[in-house]
Amino acid sequence: MSELTLTEALKEHSRTTHDAVDNLVMSMEPFASHDNYRKFLQAQYEFHSTVNPIYHNEKLASQIDGLAQLARLDRVKSDMKDLEATPFDRDVETPTFTDSEAIGWLYCVEGSNVGAAILYKEAGKIDLSDEFGASHLAAHADGRMPHWRATKAKINALPLSDDDKQSAMKGADDAFAYFKRVIRKVYGTQA
């Protein structure tokens, strides 16, 4: 049997945590109303503000073509403006990560765009779209799956040591844990 690629290993490693994040987000009913969705945007703003430096990391940018263009923070800000949402006004502890850990974070953020297809459909039920309020959930111009396959190929092509790969696993764990903390804090729950 062949060895798993890094993205296959990340998927296998984080499957349970990924499902827990999905369940937590949906339990907050972010698409029940514009008010609930504003909270979701606040959480997205915190998360994308935290990961934005990854997209501008010189080392990663030299290894992943077009990395800076993948950042979605500006789209989150635009969506917030559409709905007159403001950033969350309480401190959320911002994590730090090494370059190798950042790869795990990047995997989580870019992978979330695949699952965002469901969220985007739900957003449509409350009259949000890629032109108003939900641009950060919209599919990449190349399509969700073609974009994800291309991104995974770029991540898999990174020249990483075994230690770097373990750090990427830690980064994925940290990214999922951080998003769960942010969701709980913004929605005011310990669920």
N, C-alpha and C. Protein backbone atom coordinates (compact mmCIF):
# COMPACT_ATOMS: atom_id res chain seq x y z
N MET A 1 0.84 -1.18 0.00
CA MET A 1 0.00 0.00 0.00
C MET A 1 0.89 1.24 0.00
N SER A 2 0.52 2.22 -0.78
CA SER A 2 1.35 3.42 -0.89
C SER A 2 1.14 4.34 0.31
N GLU A 3 2.15 5.17 0.53
CA GLU A 3 2.10 6.13 1.63
C GLU A 3 1.09 7.23 1.29
N LEU A 4 0.40 7.73 2.31
CA LEU A 4 -0.57 8.80 2.10
C LEU A 4 0.13 10.09 1.72
N THR A 5 -0.52 10.87 0.87
CA THR A 5 -0.02 12.23 0.61
C THR A 5 -0.26 13.04 1.87
N LEU A 6 0.34 14.22 1.95
CA LEU A 6 0.15 15.06 3.13
C LEU A 6 -1.32 15.42 3.31
N THR A 7 -2.00 15.79 2.23
CA THR A 7 -3.40 16.19 2.39
C THR A 7 -4.29 14.99 2.76
N GLU A 8 -3.94 13.81 2.27
CA GLU A 8 -4.68 12.61 2.69
C GLU A 8 -4.46 12.34 4.17
N ALA A 9 -3.22 12.50 4.61
CA ALA A 9 -2.90 12.30 6.02
C ALA A 9 -3.60 13.35 6.89
N LEU A 10 -3.63 14.60 6.42
CA LEU A 10 -4.33 15.66 7.15
C LEU A 10 -5.82 15.36 7.26
N LYS A 11 -6.40 14.89 6.16
CA LYS A 11 -7.82 14.56 6.17
C LYS A 11 -8.11 13.44 7.17
N GLU A 12 -7.31 12.39 7.11
CA GLU A 12 -7.49 11.26 8.02
C GLU A 12 -7.29 11.69 9.47
N HIS A 13 -6.26 12.48 9.70
CA HIS A 13 -5.91 12.93 11.05
C HIS A 13 -7.00 13.80 11.67
N SER A 14 -7.64 14.62 10.85
CA SER A 14 -8.57 15.63 11.39
C SER A 14 -10.04 15.32 11.14
N ARG A 15 -10.35 14.14 10.65
CA ARG A 15 -11.74 13.81 10.29
C ARG A 15 -12.72 14.05 11.44
N THR A 16 -12.44 13.52 12.62
CA THR A 16 -13.36 13.66 13.75
C THR A 16 -13.50 15.12 14.17
N THR A 17 -12.39 15.83 14.24
CA THR A 17 -12.42 17.24 14.63
C THR A 17 -13.18 18.05 13.59
N HIS A 18 -12.96 17.77 12.33
CA HIS A 18 -13.66 18.47 11.25
C HIS A 18 -15.17 18.30 11.40
N ASP A 19 -15.61 17.08 11.63
CA ASP A 19 -17.04 16.82 11.80
C ASP A 19 -17.59 17.56 13.01
N ALA A 20 -16.81 17.62 14.10
CA ALA A 20 -17.24 18.33 15.31
C ALA A 20 -17.41 19.82 15.03
N VAL A 21 -16.51 20.39 14.23
CA VAL A 21 -16.63 21.82 13.87
C VAL A 21 -17.89 22.04 13.05
N ASP A 22 -18.12 21.20 12.06
CA ASP A 22 -19.33 21.32 11.24
C ASP A 22 -20.59 21.26 12.10
N ASN A 23 -20.63 20.29 13.00
CA ASN A 23 -21.80 20.14 13.87
C ASN A 23 -21.98 21.34 14.78
N LEU A 24 -20.88 21.85 15.32
CA LEU A 24 -20.96 23.02 16.19
C LEU A 24 -21.50 24.23 15.44
N VAL A 25 -20.94 24.48 14.26
CA VAL A 25 -21.39 25.64 13.47
C VAL A 25 -22.88 25.53 13.19
N MET A 26 -23.32 24.39 12.70
CA MET A 26 -24.73 24.26 12.34
C MET A 26 -25.64 24.31 13.57
N SER A 27 -25.14 23.89 14.73
CA SER A 27 -25.95 23.96 15.95
C SER A 27 -26.22 25.41 16.37
N MET A 28 -25.41 26.33 15.89
CA MET A 28 -25.60 27.75 16.21
C MET A 28 -26.63 28.40 15.28
N GLU A 29 -27.12 27.63 14.31
CA GLU A 29 -28.13 28.09 13.36
C GLU A 29 -27.75 29.43 12.70
N PRO A 30 -26.59 29.48 12.07
CA PRO A 30 -26.13 30.74 11.50
C PRO A 30 -27.01 31.28 10.37
N PHE A 31 -27.87 30.43 9.82
CA PHE A 31 -28.71 30.87 8.70
C PHE A 31 -30.18 30.98 9.10
N ALA A 32 -30.44 31.03 10.40
CA ALA A 32 -31.81 31.18 10.88
C ALA A 32 -32.30 32.62 10.70
N SER A 33 -31.37 33.56 10.69
CA SER A 33 -31.72 34.97 10.56
C SER A 33 -30.48 35.77 10.19
N HIS A 34 -30.68 37.00 9.77
CA HIS A 34 -29.53 37.86 9.49
C HIS A 34 -28.74 38.13 10.77
N ASP A 35 -29.42 38.24 11.92
CA ASP A 35 -28.70 38.46 13.18
C ASP A 35 -27.77 37.29 13.49
N ASN A 36 -28.27 36.07 13.35
CA ASN A 36 -27.41 34.91 13.59
C ASN A 36 -26.26 34.86 12.58
N TYR A 37 -26.56 35.22 11.34
CA TYR A 37 -25.52 35.21 10.31
C TYR A 37 -24.46 36.28 10.59
N ARG A 38 -24.87 37.42 11.15
CA ARG A 38 -23.88 38.44 11.52
C ARG A 38 -22.87 37.87 12.52
N LYS A 39 -23.33 37.07 13.45
CA LYS A 39 -22.42 36.43 14.40
C LYS A 39 -21.47 35.49 13.67
N PHE A 40 -22.01 34.75 12.71
CA PHE A 40 -21.16 33.86 11.91
C PHE A 40 -20.09 34.68 11.19
N LEU A 41 -20.49 35.83 10.64
CA LEU A 41 -19.51 36.71 9.98
C LEU A 41 -18.46 37.21 10.96
N GLN A 42 -18.86 37.51 12.18
CA GLN A 42 -17.89 37.94 13.19
C GLN A 42 -16.87 36.83 13.44
N ALA A 43 -17.35 35.60 13.53
CA ALA A 43 -16.44 34.47 13.72
C ALA A 43 -15.53 34.30 12.51
N GLN A 44 -16.10 34.43 11.33
CA GLN A 44 -15.29 34.32 10.11
C GLN A 44 -14.24 35.42 10.05
N TYR A 45 -14.63 36.62 10.48
CA TYR A 45 -13.68 37.74 10.49
C TYR A 45 -12.51 37.43 11.43
N GLU A 46 -12.80 36.95 12.62
CA GLU A 46 -11.73 36.61 13.57
C GLU A 46 -10.81 35.54 12.98
N PHE A 47 -11.42 34.51 12.40
CA PHE A 47 -10.63 33.41 11.86
C PHE A 47 -9.80 33.86 10.66
N HIS A 48 -10.43 34.54 9.72
CA HIS A 48 -9.69 34.96 8.52
C HIS A 48 -8.66 36.04 8.82
N SER A 49 -8.89 36.85 9.84
CA SER A 49 -7.87 37.81 10.27
C SER A 49 -6.65 37.07 10.81
N THR A 50 -6.90 35.99 11.52
CA THR A 50 -5.82 35.19 12.08
C THR A 50 -5.02 34.49 11.00
N VAL A 51 -5.70 33.95 9.99
CA VAL A 51 -4.99 33.19 8.94
C VAL A 51 -4.47 34.06 7.81
N ASN A 52 -4.90 35.30 7.73
CA ASN A 52 -4.50 36.15 6.60
C ASN A 52 -2.98 36.23 6.41
N PRO A 53 -2.17 36.31 7.49
CA PRO A 53 -0.72 36.35 7.28
C PRO A 53 -0.16 35.13 6.54
N ILE A 54 -0.83 33.99 6.64
CA ILE A 54 -0.37 32.80 5.92
C ILE A 54 -0.35 33.07 4.42
N TYR A 55 -1.34 33.77 3.93
CA TYR A 55 -1.46 34.04 2.50
C TYR A 55 -0.41 35.03 2.01
N HIS A 56 0.24 35.69 2.93
CA HIS A 56 1.26 36.68 2.58
C HIS A 56 2.64 36.28 3.11
N ASN A 57 2.77 35.03 3.53
CA ASN A 57 4.03 34.48 4.01
C ASN A 57 4.95 34.28 2.81
N GLU A 58 6.09 34.96 2.82
CA GLU A 58 7.00 34.93 1.66
C GLU A 58 7.47 33.52 1.32
N LYS A 59 7.81 32.75 2.34
CA LYS A 59 8.31 31.39 2.09
C LYS A 59 7.23 30.55 1.41
N LEU A 60 6.02 30.56 1.98
CA LEU A 60 4.94 29.77 1.39
C LEU A 60 4.54 30.31 0.02
N ALA A 61 4.52 31.63 -0.12
CA ALA A 61 4.15 32.23 -1.40
C ALA A 61 5.13 31.85 -2.50
N SER A 62 6.39 31.64 -2.14
CA SER A 62 7.38 31.24 -3.14
C SER A 62 7.19 29.78 -3.56
N GLN A 63 6.46 29.02 -2.75
CA GLN A 63 6.25 27.60 -3.03
C GLN A 63 4.85 27.27 -3.52
N ILE A 64 3.90 28.19 -3.26
CA ILE A 64 2.51 27.97 -3.67
C ILE A 64 2.09 29.13 -4.55
N ASP A 65 2.05 28.89 -5.83
CA ASP A 65 1.71 29.92 -6.80
C ASP A 65 0.31 30.48 -6.54
N GLY A 66 0.20 31.80 -6.54
CA GLY A 66 -1.10 32.45 -6.39
C GLY A 66 -1.66 32.43 -4.98
N LEU A 67 -0.83 32.18 -3.99
CA LEU A 67 -1.30 32.04 -2.61
C LEU A 67 -2.04 33.28 -2.12
N ALA A 68 -1.49 34.46 -2.34
CA ALA A 68 -2.11 35.69 -1.83
C ALA A 68 -3.52 35.89 -2.37
N GLN A 69 -3.77 35.46 -3.59
CA GLN A 69 -5.09 35.65 -4.20
C GLN A 69 -6.16 34.75 -3.58
N LEU A 70 -5.74 33.76 -2.81
CA LEU A 70 -6.71 32.85 -2.19
C LEU A 70 -7.30 33.40 -0.90
N ALA A 71 -6.67 34.41 -0.32
CA ALA A 71 -7.14 34.98 0.95
C ALA A 71 -8.57 35.49 0.80
N ARG A 72 -9.38 35.25 1.82
CA ARG A 72 -10.79 35.67 1.76
C ARG A 72 -11.15 36.75 2.77
N LEU A 73 -10.18 37.29 3.49
CA LEU A 73 -10.48 38.30 4.50
C LEU A 73 -11.21 39.50 3.90
N ASP A 74 -10.78 39.97 2.74
CA ASP A 74 -11.45 41.13 2.13
C ASP A 74 -12.90 40.82 1.80
N ARG A 75 -13.17 39.59 1.39
CA ARG A 75 -14.56 39.21 1.09
C ARG A 75 -15.40 39.13 2.37
N VAL A 76 -14.79 38.66 3.45
CA VAL A 76 -15.51 38.63 4.73
C VAL A 76 -15.84 40.07 5.15
N LYS A 77 -14.87 40.97 5.01
CA LYS A 77 -15.11 42.38 5.35
C LYS A 77 -16.22 42.97 4.50
N SER A 78 -16.24 42.65 3.22
CA SER A 78 -17.28 43.14 2.32
C SER A 78 -18.65 42.61 2.75
N ASP A 79 -18.70 41.34 3.10
CA ASP A 79 -19.96 40.74 3.56
C ASP A 79 -20.44 41.41 4.84
N MET A 80 -19.50 41.72 5.73
CA MET A 80 -19.86 42.40 6.97
C MET A 80 -20.42 43.79 6.68
N LYS A 81 -19.80 44.47 5.75
CA LYS A 81 -20.29 45.81 5.37
C LYS A 81 -21.70 45.72 4.81
N ASP A 82 -21.95 44.72 3.96
CA ASP A 82 -23.29 44.54 3.38
C ASP A 82 -24.35 44.43 4.47
N LEU A 83 -24.03 43.73 5.54
CA LEU A 83 -25.00 43.46 6.61
C LEU A 83 -24.80 44.35 7.83
N GLU A 84 -23.96 45.36 7.67
CA GLU A 84 -23.68 46.30 8.76
C GLU A 84 -23.25 45.57 10.03
N ALA A 85 -22.44 44.56 9.85
CA ALA A 85 -21.88 43.81 10.98
C ALA A 85 -20.54 44.42 11.36
N THR A 86 -20.25 44.40 12.63
CA THR A 86 -18.97 44.92 13.12
C THR A 86 -18.15 43.77 13.68
N PRO A 87 -16.83 43.94 13.75
CA PRO A 87 -16.02 42.89 14.35
C PRO A 87 -16.45 42.61 15.79
N PHE A 88 -16.23 41.41 16.22
CA PHE A 88 -16.55 40.99 17.58
C PHE A 88 -15.81 41.91 18.55
N ASP A 89 -16.49 42.38 19.59
CA ASP A 89 -15.90 43.40 20.45
C ASP A 89 -15.25 42.86 21.72
N ARG A 90 -15.08 41.56 21.81
CA ARG A 90 -14.38 41.00 22.96
C ARG A 90 -13.11 40.32 22.48
N ASP A 91 -12.12 40.33 23.35
CA ASP A 91 -10.85 39.72 22.97
C ASP A 91 -11.00 38.23 22.71
N VAL A 92 -10.45 37.82 21.60
CA VAL A 92 -10.34 36.40 21.28
C VAL A 92 -8.84 36.16 21.15
N GLU A 93 -8.32 35.27 21.98
CA GLU A 93 -6.88 35.01 21.96
C GLU A 93 -6.46 34.54 20.57
N THR A 94 -5.50 35.26 20.00
CA THR A 94 -5.03 34.95 18.66
C THR A 94 -3.84 34.00 18.73
N PRO A 95 -3.95 32.85 18.11
CA PRO A 95 -2.84 31.89 18.13
C PRO A 95 -1.71 32.31 17.20
N THR A 96 -0.57 31.71 17.42
CA THR A 96 0.56 31.89 16.52
C THR A 96 0.89 30.52 15.94
N PHE A 97 1.64 30.52 14.84
CA PHE A 97 1.99 29.25 14.22
C PHE A 97 3.30 29.40 13.46
N THR A 98 4.03 28.31 13.38
CA THR A 98 5.26 28.26 12.60
C THR A 98 4.89 28.12 11.12
N ASP A 99 5.87 28.25 10.25
CA ASP A 99 5.61 28.07 8.82
C ASP A 99 5.05 26.67 8.54
N SER A 100 5.59 25.66 9.20
CA SER A 100 5.12 24.29 8.97
C SER A 100 3.71 24.11 9.51
N GLU A 101 3.42 24.68 10.68
CA GLU A 101 2.07 24.60 11.22
C GLU A 101 1.08 25.34 10.33
N ALA A 102 1.56 26.43 9.71
CA ALA A 102 0.70 27.22 8.82
C ALA A 102 0.15 26.38 7.68
N ILE A 103 0.88 25.37 7.26
CA ILE A 103 0.41 24.49 6.18
C ILE A 103 -0.87 23.76 6.62
N GLY A 104 -0.91 23.31 7.86
CA GLY A 104 -2.12 22.68 8.40
C GLY A 104 -3.27 23.66 8.48
N TRP A 105 -2.97 24.88 8.88
CA TRP A 105 -4.01 25.93 8.91
C TRP A 105 -4.53 26.18 7.50
N LEU A 106 -3.61 26.29 6.54
CA LEU A 106 -4.00 26.53 5.15
C LEU A 106 -4.89 25.40 4.63
N TYR A 107 -4.53 24.18 4.95
CA TYR A 107 -5.34 23.02 4.56
C TYR A 107 -6.77 23.19 5.08
N CYS A 108 -6.91 23.57 6.33
CA CYS A 108 -8.25 23.74 6.93
C CYS A 108 -9.03 24.86 6.25
N VAL A 109 -8.38 25.99 6.06
CA VAL A 109 -9.09 27.14 5.49
C VAL A 109 -9.51 26.86 4.05
N GLU A 110 -8.60 26.36 3.25
CA GLU A 110 -8.93 26.11 1.85
C GLU A 110 -9.90 24.94 1.72
N GLY A 111 -9.77 23.95 2.57
CA GLY A 111 -10.71 22.83 2.55
C GLY A 111 -12.11 23.26 2.94
N SER A 112 -12.19 24.29 3.78
CA SER A 112 -13.52 24.75 4.21
C SER A 112 -14.33 25.31 3.05
N ASN A 113 -13.65 25.72 1.99
CA ASN A 113 -14.37 26.25 0.83
C ASN A 113 -15.19 25.16 0.14
N VAL A 114 -14.77 23.91 0.27
CA VAL A 114 -15.55 22.81 -0.30
C VAL A 114 -16.86 22.67 0.46
N GLY A 115 -16.77 22.62 1.79
CA GLY A 115 -17.96 22.53 2.62
C GLY A 115 -18.82 23.77 2.58
N ALA A 116 -18.23 24.88 2.17
CA ALA A 116 -18.98 26.13 2.10
C ALA A 116 -20.10 26.07 1.06
N ALA A 117 -20.08 25.07 0.20
CA ALA A 117 -21.17 24.92 -0.78
C ALA A 117 -22.50 24.77 -0.05
N ILE A 118 -22.50 23.99 1.02
CA ILE A 118 -23.71 23.79 1.82
C ILE A 118 -24.09 25.09 2.51
N LEU A 119 -23.09 25.77 3.08
CA LEU A 119 -23.35 27.03 3.77
C LEU A 119 -23.87 28.09 2.80
N TYR A 120 -23.31 28.11 1.61
CA TYR A 120 -23.73 29.09 0.60
C TYR A 120 -25.20 28.86 0.22
N LYS A 121 -25.57 27.61 0.08
CA LYS A 121 -26.96 27.28 -0.24
C LYS A 121 -27.89 27.74 0.89
N GLU A 122 -27.48 27.50 2.13
CA GLU A 122 -28.27 27.94 3.28
C GLU A 122 -28.36 29.47 3.32
N ALA A 123 -27.28 30.15 2.99
CA ALA A 123 -27.28 31.62 2.97
C ALA A 123 -28.30 32.15 1.97
N GLY A 124 -28.46 31.44 0.86
CA GLY A 124 -29.44 31.85 -0.14
C GLY A 124 -30.86 31.86 0.40
N LYS A 125 -31.12 31.02 1.39
CA LYS A 125 -32.47 30.96 1.99
C LYS A 125 -32.81 32.21 2.79
N ILE A 126 -31.78 32.99 3.15
CA ILE A 126 -32.04 34.26 3.84
C ILE A 126 -31.59 35.43 2.97
N ASP A 127 -31.70 35.20 1.65
CA ASP A 127 -31.47 36.23 0.64
C ASP A 127 -30.05 36.78 0.60
N LEU A 128 -29.08 35.92 0.83
CA LEU A 128 -27.68 36.30 0.71
C LEU A 128 -27.09 35.59 -0.50
N SER A 129 -26.08 36.21 -1.11
CA SER A 129 -25.49 35.65 -2.32
C SER A 129 -24.03 36.10 -2.43
N ASP A 130 -23.40 35.69 -3.53
CA ASP A 130 -22.02 36.14 -3.75
C ASP A 130 -21.95 37.63 -4.03
N GLU A 131 -23.09 38.25 -4.29
CA GLU A 131 -23.12 39.69 -4.54
C GLU A 131 -23.58 40.48 -3.33
N PHE A 132 -24.12 39.79 -2.32
CA PHE A 132 -24.56 40.48 -1.11
C PHE A 132 -24.47 39.55 0.09
N GLY A 133 -23.52 39.82 0.96
CA GLY A 133 -23.46 39.16 2.25
C GLY A 133 -22.80 37.80 2.34
N ALA A 134 -22.62 37.12 1.22
CA ALA A 134 -22.05 35.76 1.28
C ALA A 134 -20.95 35.54 0.24
N SER A 135 -20.25 36.61 -0.13
CA SER A 135 -19.21 36.45 -1.15
C SER A 135 -18.08 35.54 -0.68
N HIS A 136 -17.80 35.53 0.62
CA HIS A 136 -16.70 34.68 1.10
C HIS A 136 -17.06 33.20 1.08
N LEU A 137 -18.34 32.89 0.91
CA LEU A 137 -18.78 31.49 0.81
C LEU A 137 -18.89 31.01 -0.64
N ALA A 138 -18.78 31.94 -1.57
CA ALA A 138 -18.95 31.60 -2.99
C ALA A 138 -17.82 30.70 -3.48
N ALA A 139 -18.11 29.94 -4.49
CA ALA A 139 -17.12 29.04 -5.09
C ALA A 139 -16.01 29.83 -5.76
N HIS A 140 -14.84 29.24 -5.81
CA HIS A 140 -13.72 29.78 -6.56
C HIS A 140 -14.11 29.82 -8.03
N ALA A 141 -13.54 30.73 -8.79
CA ALA A 141 -13.87 30.86 -10.21
C ALA A 141 -13.65 29.56 -10.99
N ASP A 142 -12.71 28.74 -10.54
CA ASP A 142 -12.43 27.46 -11.21
C ASP A 142 -13.40 26.36 -10.80
N GLY A 143 -14.27 26.65 -9.84
CA GLY A 143 -15.17 25.63 -9.27
C GLY A 143 -14.58 25.10 -7.98
N ARG A 144 -15.43 24.69 -7.07
CA ARG A 144 -14.95 24.25 -5.75
C ARG A 144 -14.00 23.05 -5.83
N MET A 145 -14.42 22.00 -6.48
CA MET A 145 -13.59 20.79 -6.49
C MET A 145 -12.33 20.94 -7.34
N PRO A 146 -12.41 21.52 -8.55
CA PRO A 146 -11.16 21.71 -9.29
C PRO A 146 -10.16 22.57 -8.51
N HIS A 147 -10.67 23.62 -7.85
CA HIS A 147 -9.79 24.49 -7.06
C HIS A 147 -9.18 23.70 -5.90
N TRP A 148 -9.99 22.91 -5.21
CA TRP A 148 -9.51 22.15 -4.07
C TRP A 148 -8.47 21.11 -4.50
N ARG A 149 -8.72 20.43 -5.61
CA ARG A 149 -7.74 19.45 -6.11
C ARG A 149 -6.42 20.14 -6.44
N ALA A 150 -6.48 21.32 -7.07
CA ALA A 150 -5.27 22.06 -7.41
C ALA A 150 -4.53 22.52 -6.15
N THR A 151 -5.28 22.97 -5.17
CA THR A 151 -4.67 23.42 -3.91
C THR A 151 -4.02 22.25 -3.19
N LYS A 152 -4.70 21.11 -3.14
CA LYS A 152 -4.11 19.93 -2.50
C LYS A 152 -2.82 19.52 -3.20
N ALA A 153 -2.81 19.58 -4.52
CA ALA A 153 -1.61 19.22 -5.27
C ALA A 153 -0.44 20.14 -4.91
N LYS A 154 -0.74 21.42 -4.73
CA LYS A 154 0.31 22.38 -4.34
C LYS A 154 0.82 22.09 -2.94
N ILE A 155 -0.09 21.77 -2.03
CA ILE A 155 0.32 21.43 -0.66
C ILE A 155 1.15 20.14 -0.67
N ASN A 156 0.70 19.16 -1.42
CA ASN A 156 1.41 17.87 -1.48
C ASN A 156 2.79 18.01 -2.10
N ALA A 157 2.99 19.02 -2.94
CA ALA A 157 4.27 19.21 -3.62
C ALA A 157 5.30 19.95 -2.75
N LEU A 158 4.88 20.46 -1.60
CA LEU A 158 5.81 21.19 -0.74
C LEU A 158 6.91 20.26 -0.26
N PRO A 159 8.15 20.75 -0.27
CA PRO A 159 9.28 19.93 0.20
C PRO A 159 9.34 19.94 1.74
N LEU A 160 8.72 18.95 2.35
CA LEU A 160 8.61 18.93 3.81
C LEU A 160 9.30 17.71 4.42
N SER A 161 9.93 17.95 5.55
CA SER A 161 10.51 16.84 6.32
C SER A 161 9.39 16.16 7.10
N ASP A 162 9.70 15.03 7.70
CA ASP A 162 8.70 14.35 8.53
C ASP A 162 8.28 15.24 9.70
N ASP A 163 9.24 15.99 10.27
CA ASP A 163 8.91 16.92 11.36
C ASP A 163 7.97 18.01 10.88
N ASP A 164 8.22 18.52 9.66
CA ASP A 164 7.33 19.55 9.08
C ASP A 164 5.91 18.99 8.93
N LYS A 165 5.82 17.76 8.48
CA LYS A 165 4.50 17.14 8.29
C LYS A 165 3.78 16.98 9.63
N GLN A 166 4.52 16.60 10.66
CA GLN A 166 3.91 16.51 12.00
C GLN A 166 3.46 17.88 12.48
N SER A 167 4.24 18.90 12.17
CA SER A 167 3.85 20.27 12.54
C SER A 167 2.61 20.70 11.78
N ALA A 168 2.48 20.28 10.54
CA ALA A 168 1.27 20.59 9.76
C ALA A 168 0.05 19.94 10.41
N MET A 169 0.22 18.72 10.91
CA MET A 169 -0.89 18.04 11.62
C MET A 169 -1.29 18.85 12.85
N LYS A 170 -0.30 19.32 13.59
CA LYS A 170 -0.57 20.15 14.76
C LYS A 170 -1.29 21.43 14.33
N GLY A 171 -0.84 22.02 13.23
CA GLY A 171 -1.48 23.23 12.73
C GLY A 171 -2.95 23.01 12.40
N ALA A 172 -3.26 21.88 11.78
CA ALA A 172 -4.66 21.57 11.46
C ALA A 172 -5.47 21.42 12.75
N ASP A 173 -4.90 20.71 13.73
CA ASP A 173 -5.59 20.57 15.02
C ASP A 173 -5.85 21.94 15.64
N ASP A 174 -4.82 22.78 15.62
CA ASP A 174 -4.94 24.11 16.23
C ASP A 174 -5.96 24.97 15.50
N ALA A 175 -6.00 24.87 14.17
CA ALA A 175 -6.95 25.66 13.38
C ALA A 175 -8.39 25.28 13.72
N PHE A 176 -8.66 23.99 13.76
CA PHE A 176 -10.01 23.54 14.09
C PHE A 176 -10.38 23.93 15.52
N ALA A 177 -9.45 23.75 16.46
CA ALA A 177 -9.72 24.10 17.86
C ALA A 177 -9.96 25.60 18.00
N TYR A 178 -9.19 26.40 17.30
CA TYR A 178 -9.36 27.85 17.36
C TYR A 178 -10.73 28.26 16.81
N PHE A 179 -11.12 27.70 15.69
CA PHE A 179 -12.41 28.09 15.12
C PHE A 179 -13.55 27.70 16.07
N LYS A 180 -13.43 26.55 16.71
CA LYS A 180 -14.45 26.15 17.69
C LYS A 180 -14.51 27.16 18.84
N ARG A 181 -13.34 27.60 19.34
CA ARG A 181 -13.32 28.60 20.42
C ARG A 181 -13.97 29.90 19.96
N VAL A 182 -13.65 30.32 18.75
CA VAL A 182 -14.21 31.57 18.23
C VAL A 182 -15.72 31.46 18.10
N ILE A 183 -16.21 30.38 17.52
CA ILE A 183 -17.66 30.20 17.37
C ILE A 183 -18.34 30.25 18.74
N ARG A 184 -17.80 29.52 19.70
CA ARG A 184 -18.40 29.50 21.04
C ARG A 184 -18.40 30.89 21.67
N LYS A 185 -17.31 31.62 21.51
CA LYS A 185 -17.22 32.94 22.12
C LYS A 185 -18.20 33.91 21.46
N VAL A 186 -18.23 33.93 20.14
CA VAL A 186 -19.10 34.85 19.42
C VAL A 186 -20.57 34.56 19.70
N TYR A 187 -20.93 33.29 19.72
CA TYR A 187 -22.32 32.92 19.97
C TYR A 187 -22.66 32.85 21.46
N GLY A 188 -21.64 33.05 22.31
CA GLY A 188 -21.88 33.09 23.75
C GLY A 188 -22.32 31.78 24.35
N THR A 189 -21.68 30.71 23.92
CA THR A 189 -22.06 29.38 24.41
C THR A 189 -20.82 28.55 24.71
N GLN A 190 -20.98 27.54 25.48
CA GLN A 190 -19.91 26.58 25.74
C GLN A 190 -20.26 25.23 25.12
N ALA A 191 -21.21 25.22 24.18
CA ALA A 191 -21.69 23.97 23.55
C ALA A 191 -20.56 23.16 22.98
